[in-house]
N, C-alpha and C. Protein backbone atom coordinates (compact mmCIF):
# COMPACT_ATOMS: atom_id res chain seq x y z
N MET A 1 1.30 50.20 -29.39
CA MET A 1 2.47 49.06 -29.12
C MET A 1 2.08 48.33 -27.98
N ARG A 2 1.69 49.11 -26.88
CA ARG A 2 1.19 48.27 -25.70
C ARG A 2 -0.10 47.51 -26.11
N ILE A 3 -0.99 48.14 -26.77
CA ILE A 3 -2.28 47.32 -27.14
C ILE A 3 -1.87 45.90 -27.79
N LEU A 4 -0.89 46.06 -28.84
CA LEU A 4 -0.58 44.92 -29.50
C LEU A 4 0.10 43.89 -28.66
N LYS A 5 1.05 44.27 -27.68
CA LYS A 5 1.46 43.17 -26.71
C LYS A 5 0.53 42.59 -25.92
N TYR A 6 -0.63 43.51 -25.55
CA TYR A 6 -1.59 42.98 -24.65
C TYR A 6 -2.55 41.97 -25.38
N ASN A 7 -2.80 42.24 -26.77
CA ASN A 7 -3.49 41.35 -27.47
C ASN A 7 -2.81 39.94 -27.74
N ILE A 8 -1.42 40.11 -27.91
CA ILE A 8 -0.72 38.91 -27.97
C ILE A 8 -0.70 37.96 -26.78
N ILE A 9 -0.58 38.67 -25.58
CA ILE A 9 -0.59 37.97 -24.32
C ILE A 9 -1.93 37.18 -24.09
N VAL A 10 -3.06 37.99 -24.49
CA VAL A 10 -4.38 37.48 -24.17
C VAL A 10 -4.58 36.26 -25.22
N SER A 11 -4.12 36.35 -26.41
CA SER A 11 -4.44 35.28 -27.43
C SER A 11 -3.67 34.05 -26.95
N VAL A 12 -2.39 34.25 -26.55
CA VAL A 12 -1.47 33.09 -26.00
C VAL A 12 -2.23 32.42 -24.93
N GLY A 13 -2.77 33.23 -23.91
CA GLY A 13 -3.40 32.80 -22.73
C GLY A 13 -4.62 31.85 -23.12
N LEU A 14 -5.43 32.37 -24.10
CA LEU A 14 -6.70 31.70 -24.55
C LEU A 14 -6.28 30.39 -25.26
N LEU A 15 -5.27 30.38 -25.93
CA LEU A 15 -4.85 29.12 -26.74
C LEU A 15 -4.37 28.05 -25.64
N CYS A 16 -3.62 28.54 -24.43
CA CYS A 16 -3.20 27.64 -23.47
C CYS A 16 -4.36 26.98 -22.67
N ILE A 17 -5.39 27.74 -22.51
CA ILE A 17 -6.66 27.31 -21.75
C ILE A 17 -7.42 26.32 -22.69
N LEU A 18 -7.41 26.65 -23.95
CA LEU A 18 -8.21 25.84 -24.95
C LEU A 18 -7.49 24.42 -24.93
N PHE A 19 -6.22 24.48 -25.06
CA PHE A 19 -5.37 23.21 -25.15
C PHE A 19 -5.51 22.35 -23.98
N LEU A 20 -5.46 23.03 -22.70
CA LEU A 20 -5.64 22.23 -21.42
C LEU A 20 -7.04 21.48 -21.33
N PHE A 21 -7.93 22.30 -21.80
CA PHE A 21 -9.44 21.75 -21.83
C PHE A 21 -9.49 20.60 -22.93
N GLN A 22 -8.97 20.69 -24.07
CA GLN A 22 -9.04 19.51 -24.91
C GLN A 22 -8.38 18.42 -24.37
N VAL A 23 -7.04 18.55 -23.78
CA VAL A 23 -6.38 17.33 -23.15
C VAL A 23 -7.28 16.66 -22.01
N SER A 24 -7.80 17.59 -21.19
CA SER A 24 -8.60 17.10 -20.05
C SER A 24 -9.81 16.25 -20.62
N CYS A 25 -10.53 16.75 -21.63
CA CYS A 25 -11.60 16.04 -22.17
C CYS A 25 -11.11 14.62 -22.82
N LYS A 26 -9.97 14.73 -23.44
CA LYS A 26 -9.46 13.47 -24.17
C LYS A 26 -9.16 12.47 -23.00
N ASN A 27 -8.43 12.86 -21.95
CA ASN A 27 -8.20 11.91 -20.83
C ASN A 27 -9.47 11.37 -20.17
N ASP A 28 -10.46 12.23 -20.04
CA ASP A 28 -11.77 11.66 -19.51
C ASP A 28 -12.31 10.67 -20.28
N THR A 29 -12.21 10.66 -21.66
CA THR A 29 -12.66 9.85 -22.67
C THR A 29 -11.91 8.50 -22.52
N ILE A 30 -10.56 8.55 -22.44
CA ILE A 30 -9.84 7.30 -22.43
C ILE A 30 -10.06 6.56 -21.18
N ALA A 31 -10.41 7.21 -20.03
CA ALA A 31 -10.48 6.48 -18.72
C ALA A 31 -11.72 5.61 -18.75
N ILE A 32 -12.71 5.81 -19.67
CA ILE A 32 -13.93 4.95 -19.71
C ILE A 32 -13.63 3.62 -20.50
N GLU A 33 -13.55 2.43 -19.81
CA GLU A 33 -13.13 1.20 -20.49
C GLU A 33 -14.38 0.18 -20.34
N PRO A 34 -14.50 -0.65 -21.35
CA PRO A 34 -15.71 -1.55 -21.37
C PRO A 34 -15.35 -2.68 -20.35
N PRO A 35 -16.40 -3.34 -19.69
CA PRO A 35 -16.11 -4.38 -18.72
C PRO A 35 -15.54 -5.53 -19.44
N PRO A 36 -14.75 -6.36 -18.75
CA PRO A 36 -14.28 -7.57 -19.32
C PRO A 36 -15.30 -8.55 -19.61
N ASP A 37 -14.97 -9.41 -20.70
CA ASP A 37 -16.02 -10.33 -21.14
C ASP A 37 -15.86 -11.70 -20.40
N GLN A 38 -14.77 -11.90 -19.63
CA GLN A 38 -14.50 -13.10 -18.90
C GLN A 38 -13.88 -12.88 -17.55
N LEU A 39 -14.21 -13.51 -16.42
CA LEU A 39 -13.54 -13.32 -15.16
C LEU A 39 -12.17 -13.94 -15.20
N PHE A 40 -11.35 -13.31 -14.42
CA PHE A 40 -9.96 -13.69 -14.24
C PHE A 40 -10.05 -15.09 -13.39
N ARG A 41 -9.00 -15.88 -13.56
CA ARG A 41 -8.86 -17.12 -12.62
C ARG A 41 -8.61 -16.57 -11.15
N PRO A 42 -9.09 -17.30 -10.22
CA PRO A 42 -8.79 -16.98 -8.67
C PRO A 42 -7.24 -17.13 -8.59
N VAL A 43 -6.75 -16.11 -7.92
CA VAL A 43 -5.39 -16.16 -7.55
C VAL A 43 -4.99 -16.41 -6.21
N GLY A 44 -3.94 -16.88 -5.85
CA GLY A 44 -3.51 -17.01 -4.54
C GLY A 44 -4.06 -18.23 -3.93
N LEU A 45 -4.38 -19.27 -4.67
CA LEU A 45 -4.94 -20.53 -4.22
C LEU A 45 -3.85 -21.29 -3.43
N THR A 46 -4.29 -21.56 -2.16
CA THR A 46 -3.24 -22.26 -1.43
C THR A 46 -3.95 -23.31 -0.46
N THR A 47 -3.21 -24.28 -0.03
CA THR A 47 -3.79 -25.39 0.83
C THR A 47 -2.96 -25.33 2.15
N SER A 48 -3.65 -25.73 3.23
CA SER A 48 -3.17 -25.94 4.57
C SER A 48 -3.72 -27.23 4.93
N ILE A 49 -2.64 -28.12 5.10
CA ILE A 49 -2.97 -29.55 5.36
C ILE A 49 -2.82 -29.88 6.85
N ASN A 50 -3.67 -30.69 7.54
CA ASN A 50 -3.76 -31.06 8.92
C ASN A 50 -4.24 -32.41 8.98
N GLY A 51 -3.20 -33.45 8.98
CA GLY A 51 -3.70 -34.73 8.85
C GLY A 51 -4.32 -35.18 7.46
N ASN A 52 -5.55 -35.58 7.79
CA ASN A 52 -6.36 -35.89 6.47
C ASN A 52 -7.38 -34.80 6.17
N MET A 53 -7.14 -33.49 6.61
CA MET A 53 -7.93 -32.48 6.36
C MET A 53 -7.13 -31.27 5.62
N VAL A 54 -7.87 -30.66 4.62
CA VAL A 54 -7.09 -29.60 3.97
C VAL A 54 -8.02 -28.42 3.86
N LYS A 55 -7.49 -27.29 4.11
CA LYS A 55 -8.18 -26.02 4.18
C LYS A 55 -7.68 -25.20 2.85
N PHE A 56 -8.61 -24.79 2.02
CA PHE A 56 -8.41 -24.02 0.76
C PHE A 56 -8.55 -22.54 1.08
N SER A 57 -7.77 -21.71 0.54
CA SER A 57 -8.02 -20.34 0.47
C SER A 57 -7.62 -19.69 -0.82
N TRP A 58 -8.28 -18.52 -1.11
CA TRP A 58 -7.78 -17.85 -2.37
C TRP A 58 -8.21 -16.33 -2.21
N VAL A 59 -7.80 -15.48 -3.25
CA VAL A 59 -8.05 -14.07 -3.25
C VAL A 59 -9.45 -13.94 -3.94
N PRO A 60 -10.33 -13.04 -3.30
CA PRO A 60 -11.72 -12.85 -3.78
C PRO A 60 -11.64 -12.05 -5.22
N ILE A 61 -12.75 -12.43 -5.97
CA ILE A 61 -13.02 -11.70 -7.15
C ILE A 61 -14.48 -11.18 -7.09
N ALA A 62 -14.63 -9.89 -7.38
CA ALA A 62 -15.86 -9.22 -7.34
C ALA A 62 -16.80 -9.76 -8.41
N GLY A 63 -18.16 -9.81 -7.86
CA GLY A 63 -19.12 -10.40 -8.69
C GLY A 63 -19.05 -11.85 -9.04
N ALA A 64 -18.60 -12.67 -8.13
CA ALA A 64 -18.46 -14.11 -8.50
C ALA A 64 -18.68 -15.05 -7.33
N THR A 65 -19.24 -16.26 -7.71
CA THR A 65 -19.22 -17.37 -6.65
C THR A 65 -18.08 -18.28 -7.15
N TYR A 66 -17.99 -19.44 -6.56
CA TYR A 66 -16.91 -20.41 -6.99
C TYR A 66 -17.42 -21.86 -7.10
N SER A 67 -16.63 -22.57 -7.90
CA SER A 67 -16.84 -24.07 -8.03
C SER A 67 -15.48 -24.70 -7.69
N LEU A 68 -15.44 -25.63 -6.60
CA LEU A 68 -14.29 -26.30 -6.23
C LEU A 68 -14.42 -27.68 -6.58
N GLU A 69 -13.41 -28.41 -7.24
CA GLU A 69 -13.42 -29.71 -7.67
C GLU A 69 -12.20 -30.37 -7.02
N LEU A 70 -12.46 -31.63 -6.51
CA LEU A 70 -11.37 -32.44 -5.79
C LEU A 70 -11.51 -33.80 -6.30
N SER A 71 -10.30 -34.41 -6.54
CA SER A 71 -10.23 -35.72 -7.01
C SER A 71 -8.96 -36.50 -6.56
N ARG A 72 -8.93 -37.82 -6.47
CA ARG A 72 -7.68 -38.56 -5.93
C ARG A 72 -6.99 -39.05 -7.18
N ASP A 73 -6.36 -38.10 -7.95
CA ASP A 73 -5.43 -38.48 -8.90
C ASP A 73 -4.62 -37.21 -9.21
N SER A 74 -3.72 -37.19 -10.40
CA SER A 74 -2.99 -36.20 -10.76
C SER A 74 -3.59 -35.27 -11.90
N PHE A 75 -4.56 -34.41 -11.52
CA PHE A 75 -5.12 -33.40 -12.48
C PHE A 75 -5.95 -34.09 -13.60
N ALA A 76 -6.48 -35.36 -13.24
CA ALA A 76 -7.31 -35.96 -14.19
C ALA A 76 -8.83 -35.68 -13.89
N PHE A 77 -9.00 -35.51 -12.54
CA PHE A 77 -10.45 -35.16 -12.03
C PHE A 77 -11.41 -36.15 -12.52
N VAL A 78 -11.07 -37.41 -12.10
CA VAL A 78 -11.89 -38.41 -12.43
C VAL A 78 -12.22 -39.36 -11.17
N GLN A 79 -11.08 -39.80 -10.53
CA GLN A 79 -11.26 -40.71 -9.42
C GLN A 79 -11.86 -40.00 -8.21
N ASP A 80 -13.02 -40.55 -7.63
CA ASP A 80 -13.58 -39.94 -6.41
C ASP A 80 -13.79 -38.43 -6.59
N LEU A 81 -14.19 -38.03 -7.58
CA LEU A 81 -14.52 -36.72 -8.05
C LEU A 81 -15.57 -36.02 -7.15
N LYS A 82 -15.23 -34.86 -6.48
CA LYS A 82 -16.21 -34.15 -5.72
C LYS A 82 -16.34 -32.76 -6.29
N VAL A 83 -17.61 -32.29 -6.67
CA VAL A 83 -17.79 -30.89 -7.11
C VAL A 83 -18.53 -30.09 -6.08
N ILE A 84 -17.80 -29.11 -5.44
CA ILE A 84 -18.35 -28.31 -4.28
C ILE A 84 -18.66 -26.92 -4.65
N PRO A 85 -19.97 -26.44 -4.79
CA PRO A 85 -20.28 -25.05 -5.04
C PRO A 85 -20.11 -24.27 -3.81
N LEU A 86 -19.57 -23.03 -4.00
CA LEU A 86 -19.04 -22.17 -2.76
C LEU A 86 -19.67 -20.87 -3.07
N VAL A 87 -20.49 -20.41 -2.15
CA VAL A 87 -21.07 -19.00 -2.23
C VAL A 87 -20.83 -18.14 -0.94
N GLY A 88 -20.23 -17.13 -1.09
CA GLY A 88 -19.92 -16.17 0.09
C GLY A 88 -18.91 -16.64 1.09
N VAL A 89 -17.93 -17.66 0.59
CA VAL A 89 -16.88 -18.01 1.37
C VAL A 89 -15.49 -17.88 0.61
N LEU A 90 -14.40 -17.66 1.28
CA LEU A 90 -13.15 -17.47 0.69
C LEU A 90 -12.19 -18.42 1.37
N VAL A 91 -12.68 -19.32 2.42
CA VAL A 91 -11.82 -20.28 2.90
C VAL A 91 -12.91 -21.59 3.07
N TYR A 92 -12.38 -22.73 2.67
CA TYR A 92 -13.14 -23.98 2.75
C TYR A 92 -12.31 -25.10 3.13
N THR A 93 -12.79 -25.88 4.17
CA THR A 93 -12.02 -27.11 4.72
C THR A 93 -12.85 -28.43 4.24
N VAL A 94 -12.12 -29.36 3.66
CA VAL A 94 -12.46 -30.74 3.31
C VAL A 94 -11.93 -31.68 4.34
N GLU A 95 -12.70 -32.52 4.85
CA GLU A 95 -12.43 -33.43 5.87
C GLU A 95 -12.56 -34.84 5.42
N ASP A 96 -11.94 -35.80 6.32
CA ASP A 96 -12.02 -37.23 5.93
C ASP A 96 -11.41 -37.74 4.66
N LEU A 97 -10.34 -36.98 4.33
CA LEU A 97 -9.65 -37.49 3.09
C LEU A 97 -8.84 -38.72 3.52
N LEU A 98 -8.16 -39.51 2.58
CA LEU A 98 -7.37 -40.47 2.83
C LEU A 98 -5.99 -40.07 3.33
N SER A 99 -5.35 -40.81 4.19
CA SER A 99 -4.12 -40.43 4.73
C SER A 99 -3.00 -40.68 3.71
N LEU A 100 -2.00 -39.76 3.68
CA LEU A 100 -0.78 -40.04 2.75
C LEU A 100 -1.17 -40.32 1.35
N THR A 101 -2.17 -39.41 0.89
CA THR A 101 -2.69 -39.72 -0.41
C THR A 101 -2.59 -38.42 -1.33
N ARG A 102 -2.37 -38.61 -2.56
CA ARG A 102 -2.23 -37.46 -3.53
C ARG A 102 -3.59 -37.09 -4.00
N TYR A 103 -3.86 -35.81 -3.98
CA TYR A 103 -5.13 -35.15 -4.58
C TYR A 103 -4.86 -34.10 -5.44
N SER A 104 -5.77 -33.86 -6.38
CA SER A 104 -5.90 -32.70 -7.18
C SER A 104 -7.02 -31.89 -6.79
N ALA A 105 -6.83 -30.61 -6.95
CA ALA A 105 -7.91 -29.74 -6.65
C ALA A 105 -7.88 -28.54 -7.77
N ARG A 106 -9.05 -27.95 -8.20
CA ARG A 106 -9.16 -26.85 -9.04
C ARG A 106 -10.38 -26.00 -8.75
N ILE A 107 -10.31 -24.80 -8.84
CA ILE A 107 -11.27 -23.95 -8.63
C ILE A 107 -11.43 -22.74 -9.79
N LYS A 108 -12.74 -22.51 -9.92
CA LYS A 108 -13.04 -21.40 -10.89
C LYS A 108 -14.04 -20.50 -10.32
N ALA A 109 -13.88 -19.21 -10.80
CA ALA A 109 -14.99 -18.17 -10.45
C ALA A 109 -16.15 -18.23 -11.36
N ILE A 110 -17.41 -18.28 -10.91
CA ILE A 110 -18.50 -18.20 -11.72
C ILE A 110 -19.33 -16.91 -11.63
N SER A 111 -19.36 -16.28 -12.85
CA SER A 111 -19.90 -14.89 -12.87
C SER A 111 -21.27 -14.81 -12.44
N ILE A 112 -21.62 -13.84 -11.63
CA ILE A 112 -23.03 -13.50 -11.25
C ILE A 112 -23.76 -12.91 -12.47
N ASP A 113 -23.03 -12.19 -13.14
CA ASP A 113 -23.47 -11.47 -14.45
C ASP A 113 -23.38 -12.53 -15.55
N LYS A 114 -24.55 -12.83 -16.08
CA LYS A 114 -24.58 -13.89 -17.12
C LYS A 114 -23.92 -13.56 -18.40
N SER A 115 -23.77 -12.23 -18.65
CA SER A 115 -23.22 -11.71 -19.86
C SER A 115 -21.65 -11.78 -19.77
N ILE A 116 -21.09 -12.13 -18.61
CA ILE A 116 -19.58 -12.24 -18.48
C ILE A 116 -19.31 -13.76 -18.18
N LYS A 117 -18.37 -14.36 -18.96
CA LYS A 117 -18.07 -15.69 -18.91
C LYS A 117 -17.46 -16.21 -17.50
N ASP A 118 -17.48 -17.29 -17.17
CA ASP A 118 -16.82 -17.71 -15.92
C ASP A 118 -15.29 -17.79 -16.29
N SER A 119 -14.56 -17.90 -15.26
CA SER A 119 -13.03 -17.91 -15.47
C SER A 119 -12.64 -19.26 -15.77
N ASP A 120 -11.36 -19.39 -16.20
CA ASP A 120 -10.66 -20.63 -16.36
C ASP A 120 -10.43 -21.23 -14.95
N TYR A 121 -9.94 -22.57 -14.85
CA TYR A 121 -9.60 -23.13 -13.56
C TYR A 121 -8.17 -22.75 -13.06
N LYS A 122 -8.12 -22.65 -11.72
CA LYS A 122 -6.76 -22.54 -11.24
C LYS A 122 -6.54 -23.96 -10.45
N GLN A 123 -5.53 -24.70 -10.74
CA GLN A 123 -5.26 -25.95 -10.21
C GLN A 123 -4.19 -26.04 -9.28
N ILE A 124 -4.17 -27.10 -8.26
CA ILE A 124 -3.18 -27.23 -7.27
C ILE A 124 -3.20 -28.78 -7.00
N LEU A 125 -1.96 -29.40 -6.63
CA LEU A 125 -1.58 -30.74 -6.29
C LEU A 125 -1.22 -30.80 -4.85
N PHE A 126 -1.70 -31.80 -3.95
CA PHE A 126 -1.24 -31.78 -2.67
C PHE A 126 -1.38 -33.36 -2.22
N VAL A 127 -0.55 -33.53 -1.07
CA VAL A 127 -0.56 -34.87 -0.39
C VAL A 127 -1.08 -34.67 1.01
N THR A 128 -1.92 -35.45 1.47
CA THR A 128 -2.44 -35.40 2.77
C THR A 128 -1.51 -35.96 3.82
N GLY A 129 -1.55 -35.58 5.13
CA GLY A 129 -0.77 -36.13 6.08
C GLY A 129 -1.29 -37.44 6.69
N ILE A 130 -0.92 -37.71 8.00
CA ILE A 130 -1.34 -38.98 8.62
C ILE A 130 -2.53 -38.62 9.58
N GLU A 131 -3.56 -39.48 9.45
CA GLU A 131 -4.71 -39.29 10.35
C GLU A 131 -4.41 -40.04 11.59
N ASN A 132 -4.97 -39.60 12.80
CA ASN A 132 -4.97 -40.37 13.89
C ASN A 132 -6.27 -40.18 14.66
N ILE A 133 -7.18 -41.16 14.63
CA ILE A 133 -8.41 -41.06 15.37
C ILE A 133 -8.48 -41.62 16.81
N PHE A 134 -7.22 -42.28 17.13
CA PHE A 134 -7.16 -42.75 18.46
C PHE A 134 -7.16 -41.75 19.56
N LEU A 135 -7.73 -41.97 20.72
CA LEU A 135 -7.71 -41.12 21.77
C LEU A 135 -6.41 -41.63 22.75
N THR A 136 -5.83 -40.78 23.36
CA THR A 136 -4.65 -41.11 24.28
C THR A 136 -5.10 -42.00 25.35
N PRO A 137 -4.65 -43.11 25.67
CA PRO A 137 -5.25 -43.93 26.82
C PRO A 137 -4.80 -43.33 28.15
N SER A 138 -5.76 -43.36 29.08
CA SER A 138 -5.49 -42.61 30.49
C SER A 138 -4.86 -43.94 31.26
N THR A 139 -4.40 -43.62 32.43
CA THR A 139 -3.62 -44.45 33.27
C THR A 139 -4.71 -45.59 33.70
N ILE A 140 -5.98 -45.25 33.94
CA ILE A 140 -6.94 -46.25 34.31
C ILE A 140 -7.30 -47.24 33.21
N ASP A 141 -7.02 -46.93 31.84
CA ASP A 141 -7.18 -47.73 30.81
C ASP A 141 -6.12 -48.74 30.65
N ILE A 142 -5.05 -48.65 31.29
CA ILE A 142 -3.92 -49.56 30.99
C ILE A 142 -3.71 -50.52 32.12
N GLY A 143 -3.59 -51.89 31.98
CA GLY A 143 -3.31 -52.90 32.92
C GLY A 143 -2.06 -53.63 32.58
N SER A 144 -1.79 -54.72 33.33
CA SER A 144 -0.57 -55.42 33.08
C SER A 144 -0.86 -56.35 31.92
N ASN A 145 -2.01 -56.85 31.69
CA ASN A 145 -2.12 -57.69 30.52
C ASN A 145 -3.32 -57.23 29.46
N GLN A 146 -3.76 -56.07 29.62
CA GLN A 146 -4.82 -55.58 28.87
C GLN A 146 -4.83 -54.03 28.79
N VAL A 147 -5.48 -53.55 27.73
CA VAL A 147 -5.72 -52.15 27.47
C VAL A 147 -6.95 -51.71 26.86
N LEU A 148 -7.70 -50.68 27.29
CA LEU A 148 -8.88 -50.32 26.75
C LEU A 148 -8.54 -49.25 25.80
N LEU A 149 -8.71 -49.52 24.48
CA LEU A 149 -8.46 -48.48 23.46
C LEU A 149 -9.76 -47.79 23.06
N LYS A 150 -9.48 -46.42 22.78
CA LYS A 150 -10.75 -45.56 22.44
C LYS A 150 -10.37 -44.70 21.26
N TRP A 151 -11.35 -44.34 20.54
CA TRP A 151 -11.19 -43.56 19.29
C TRP A 151 -12.56 -42.80 19.06
N ASN A 152 -12.32 -41.97 18.04
CA ASN A 152 -13.55 -41.03 17.58
C ASN A 152 -14.58 -42.03 17.02
N ASN A 153 -15.71 -42.08 17.60
CA ASN A 153 -16.60 -43.08 17.11
C ASN A 153 -17.51 -42.61 16.00
N LEU A 154 -17.15 -41.37 15.53
CA LEU A 154 -17.87 -40.96 14.38
C LEU A 154 -17.09 -41.28 13.00
N LYS A 155 -16.01 -41.99 13.32
CA LYS A 155 -15.18 -42.44 12.08
C LYS A 155 -15.48 -44.00 11.73
N GLN A 156 -15.46 -44.30 10.42
CA GLN A 156 -15.80 -45.58 10.09
C GLN A 156 -14.47 -46.52 10.23
N VAL A 157 -14.50 -47.57 10.88
CA VAL A 157 -13.37 -48.55 10.93
C VAL A 157 -13.82 -49.93 11.10
N THR A 158 -12.82 -50.78 10.88
CA THR A 158 -13.20 -52.38 10.80
C THR A 158 -12.37 -53.23 11.71
N GLN A 159 -11.05 -52.88 12.01
CA GLN A 159 -10.21 -53.70 12.75
C GLN A 159 -9.16 -52.86 13.33
N ILE A 160 -8.45 -53.51 14.38
CA ILE A 160 -7.30 -53.12 15.04
C ILE A 160 -6.28 -54.12 14.97
N VAL A 161 -5.04 -53.61 14.70
CA VAL A 161 -3.78 -54.65 14.52
C VAL A 161 -2.82 -54.26 15.68
N GLY A 162 -2.47 -55.23 16.60
CA GLY A 162 -1.52 -54.97 17.71
C GLY A 162 -0.34 -55.63 17.47
N SER A 163 0.91 -55.03 17.58
CA SER A 163 2.21 -55.67 17.38
C SER A 163 3.23 -55.21 18.50
N ALA A 164 4.05 -56.10 18.77
CA ALA A 164 5.20 -55.82 19.83
C ALA A 164 6.37 -56.82 19.38
N THR A 165 7.59 -56.29 19.86
CA THR A 165 8.76 -56.95 19.38
C THR A 165 8.74 -58.53 20.15
N GLY A 166 8.94 -59.46 19.23
CA GLY A 166 9.05 -60.83 19.68
C GLY A 166 7.71 -61.39 19.83
N VAL A 167 6.57 -60.84 19.45
CA VAL A 167 5.31 -61.28 19.57
C VAL A 167 4.46 -61.30 18.14
N SER A 168 3.69 -62.06 17.92
CA SER A 168 3.04 -62.16 16.61
C SER A 168 1.89 -61.15 16.68
N ASP A 169 1.62 -60.55 15.58
CA ASP A 169 0.64 -59.54 15.41
C ASP A 169 -0.66 -60.04 15.87
N VAL A 170 -1.47 -59.19 16.49
CA VAL A 170 -2.85 -59.68 16.83
C VAL A 170 -3.78 -58.87 15.92
N ILE A 171 -4.66 -59.45 15.22
CA ILE A 171 -5.70 -58.87 14.50
C ILE A 171 -7.12 -58.83 15.25
N VAL A 172 -7.68 -57.75 15.58
CA VAL A 172 -8.75 -57.68 16.40
C VAL A 172 -9.98 -57.10 15.53
N PRO A 173 -10.99 -57.92 14.88
CA PRO A 173 -12.18 -57.27 14.30
C PRO A 173 -12.99 -56.55 15.19
N LEU A 174 -13.67 -55.55 14.74
CA LEU A 174 -14.45 -54.58 15.45
C LEU A 174 -15.84 -55.09 15.11
N SER A 175 -16.74 -55.19 16.11
CA SER A 175 -18.18 -55.31 16.05
C SER A 175 -18.86 -54.09 15.84
N ALA A 176 -20.23 -54.13 15.46
CA ALA A 176 -20.89 -52.86 15.21
C ALA A 176 -21.04 -52.15 16.61
N LEU A 177 -21.09 -52.83 17.70
CA LEU A 177 -21.21 -52.23 18.99
C LEU A 177 -19.83 -51.59 19.29
N ASP A 178 -18.78 -52.18 19.09
CA ASP A 178 -17.44 -51.59 19.29
C ASP A 178 -17.39 -50.15 18.51
N ILE A 179 -17.71 -50.28 17.30
CA ILE A 179 -17.64 -49.07 16.40
C ILE A 179 -18.60 -47.92 16.88
N ALA A 180 -19.73 -48.31 17.44
CA ALA A 180 -20.77 -47.36 17.91
C ALA A 180 -20.18 -46.78 19.18
N ASP A 181 -19.55 -47.63 20.12
CA ASP A 181 -19.02 -47.11 21.37
C ASP A 181 -17.72 -46.53 21.20
N GLY A 182 -16.99 -46.67 20.09
CA GLY A 182 -15.69 -46.15 19.83
C GLY A 182 -14.57 -46.54 20.99
N LYS A 183 -14.81 -47.93 21.33
CA LYS A 183 -13.73 -48.50 22.31
C LYS A 183 -13.66 -49.99 22.17
N LYS A 184 -12.52 -50.57 22.54
CA LYS A 184 -12.35 -51.98 22.58
C LYS A 184 -11.35 -52.39 23.52
N LEU A 185 -11.73 -53.34 24.32
CA LEU A 185 -10.78 -53.85 25.36
C LEU A 185 -9.94 -54.98 24.72
N ILE A 186 -8.58 -54.79 24.67
CA ILE A 186 -7.66 -55.70 24.10
C ILE A 186 -6.99 -56.49 25.30
N GLY A 187 -7.29 -57.86 25.32
CA GLY A 187 -6.53 -58.62 26.36
C GLY A 187 -5.48 -59.65 25.97
N GLY A 188 -5.04 -60.38 26.92
CA GLY A 188 -3.99 -61.37 26.44
C GLY A 188 -2.60 -60.79 26.09
N MET A 189 -2.32 -59.57 26.72
CA MET A 189 -1.13 -58.80 26.53
C MET A 189 -0.04 -59.32 27.57
N ILE A 190 1.26 -59.08 27.23
CA ILE A 190 2.38 -59.37 28.12
C ILE A 190 2.82 -58.27 28.97
N LYS A 191 2.81 -58.41 30.25
CA LYS A 191 3.18 -57.31 31.27
C LYS A 191 4.44 -56.60 30.75
N ASN A 192 4.50 -55.32 31.20
CA ASN A 192 5.70 -54.49 30.98
C ASN A 192 6.16 -54.66 29.57
N THR A 193 5.35 -54.46 28.64
CA THR A 193 5.73 -54.68 27.20
C THR A 193 5.08 -53.47 26.47
N SER A 194 5.87 -52.92 25.48
CA SER A 194 5.43 -51.73 24.60
C SER A 194 4.84 -52.42 23.37
N TYR A 195 3.49 -51.94 23.20
CA TYR A 195 2.65 -52.39 21.99
C TYR A 195 2.38 -51.21 21.20
N THR A 196 2.30 -51.57 19.83
CA THR A 196 1.86 -50.52 18.88
C THR A 196 0.56 -50.99 18.28
N PHE A 197 -0.50 -50.15 18.50
CA PHE A 197 -1.84 -50.54 17.88
C PHE A 197 -2.07 -49.56 16.76
N LYS A 198 -2.70 -50.12 15.62
CA LYS A 198 -3.13 -49.50 14.46
C LYS A 198 -4.59 -49.88 14.25
N ILE A 199 -5.31 -48.83 13.90
CA ILE A 199 -6.75 -48.86 13.59
C ILE A 199 -7.09 -48.73 12.05
N TYR A 200 -7.78 -49.51 11.41
CA TYR A 200 -7.99 -49.48 10.02
C TYR A 200 -9.47 -49.49 9.58
N ASN A 201 -9.71 -48.90 8.49
CA ASN A 201 -11.06 -49.00 7.74
C ASN A 201 -10.73 -49.81 6.47
N GLY A 202 -10.93 -51.06 6.68
CA GLY A 202 -10.33 -51.96 5.49
C GLY A 202 -8.94 -51.95 5.45
N THR A 203 -8.36 -51.40 4.40
CA THR A 203 -6.76 -51.38 4.44
C THR A 203 -6.37 -49.87 4.67
N ILE A 204 -7.18 -49.12 4.88
CA ILE A 204 -6.84 -47.71 5.06
C ILE A 204 -6.51 -47.32 6.61
N LEU A 205 -5.30 -46.89 6.78
CA LEU A 205 -4.88 -46.71 8.19
C LEU A 205 -5.57 -45.35 8.69
N ARG A 206 -6.15 -45.40 9.91
CA ARG A 206 -6.74 -44.28 10.45
C ARG A 206 -6.34 -43.79 11.77
N GLY A 207 -5.30 -44.51 12.40
CA GLY A 207 -4.72 -44.08 13.58
C GLY A 207 -3.66 -45.11 14.08
N THR A 208 -2.77 -44.51 14.91
CA THR A 208 -1.76 -45.37 15.62
C THR A 208 -1.52 -44.83 17.10
N VAL A 209 -1.37 -45.79 17.99
CA VAL A 209 -1.05 -45.46 19.44
C VAL A 209 -0.18 -46.40 19.88
N VAL A 210 0.76 -46.06 20.82
CA VAL A 210 1.78 -46.75 21.38
C VAL A 210 1.27 -46.89 22.94
N VAL A 211 1.25 -48.11 23.54
CA VAL A 211 0.93 -48.36 24.81
C VAL A 211 1.89 -49.30 25.47
N LYS A 212 2.33 -49.05 26.62
CA LYS A 212 3.15 -50.01 27.47
C LYS A 212 2.42 -50.57 28.59
N THR A 213 2.28 -51.97 28.68
CA THR A 213 1.54 -52.49 29.83
C THR A 213 2.35 -52.39 31.13
N LEU A 214 1.54 -52.50 32.20
CA LEU A 214 2.18 -52.27 33.58
C LEU A 214 2.98 -53.54 33.92
N PRO A 215 3.92 -53.45 34.80
CA PRO A 215 4.74 -54.45 35.32
C PRO A 215 3.82 -55.54 36.00
């Protein structure tokens, strides 16, 4: 009788071990999955806008480089289209965009493994802020009837427009020397008067500064 009970216990134990072994092997087999045939779209695409500059950032994807496209329209990607290849970066800044202008951007992951397809595009729409290339005038630049205006001479400009209450606007064309030096002396001003000066590249506003002449 004891021998029979012992044989039953041993048999049950062996069956349990065999069952656990089969389950373990089955789980090991299920865990092996084939690689995807296409990369996922980049996620977490965000923009950080500072005047006419925009910084793009996104979540990285393993085994990929990126292609960033930028255009001055609403997801048409035609007007002023820029195509920017990006390798080894997850943050990228674009400068010298137009102020207060709507732009479209899209990015896709490009597979390093040619057997895997590139991702679809992730798109985003944004509006730039206001650019200001003027430098703040110092006290020695301001007189009672004139002011020396200065700006970033790396920026393309064509003219300055000055205005004040009760005074006709003054349009000042900028010469090649003015543009290269990044400064222009504006004369013929009224003493103790607040003037607003705007600097343009054609019709595109690139900066604004307010100056009050001395008494």
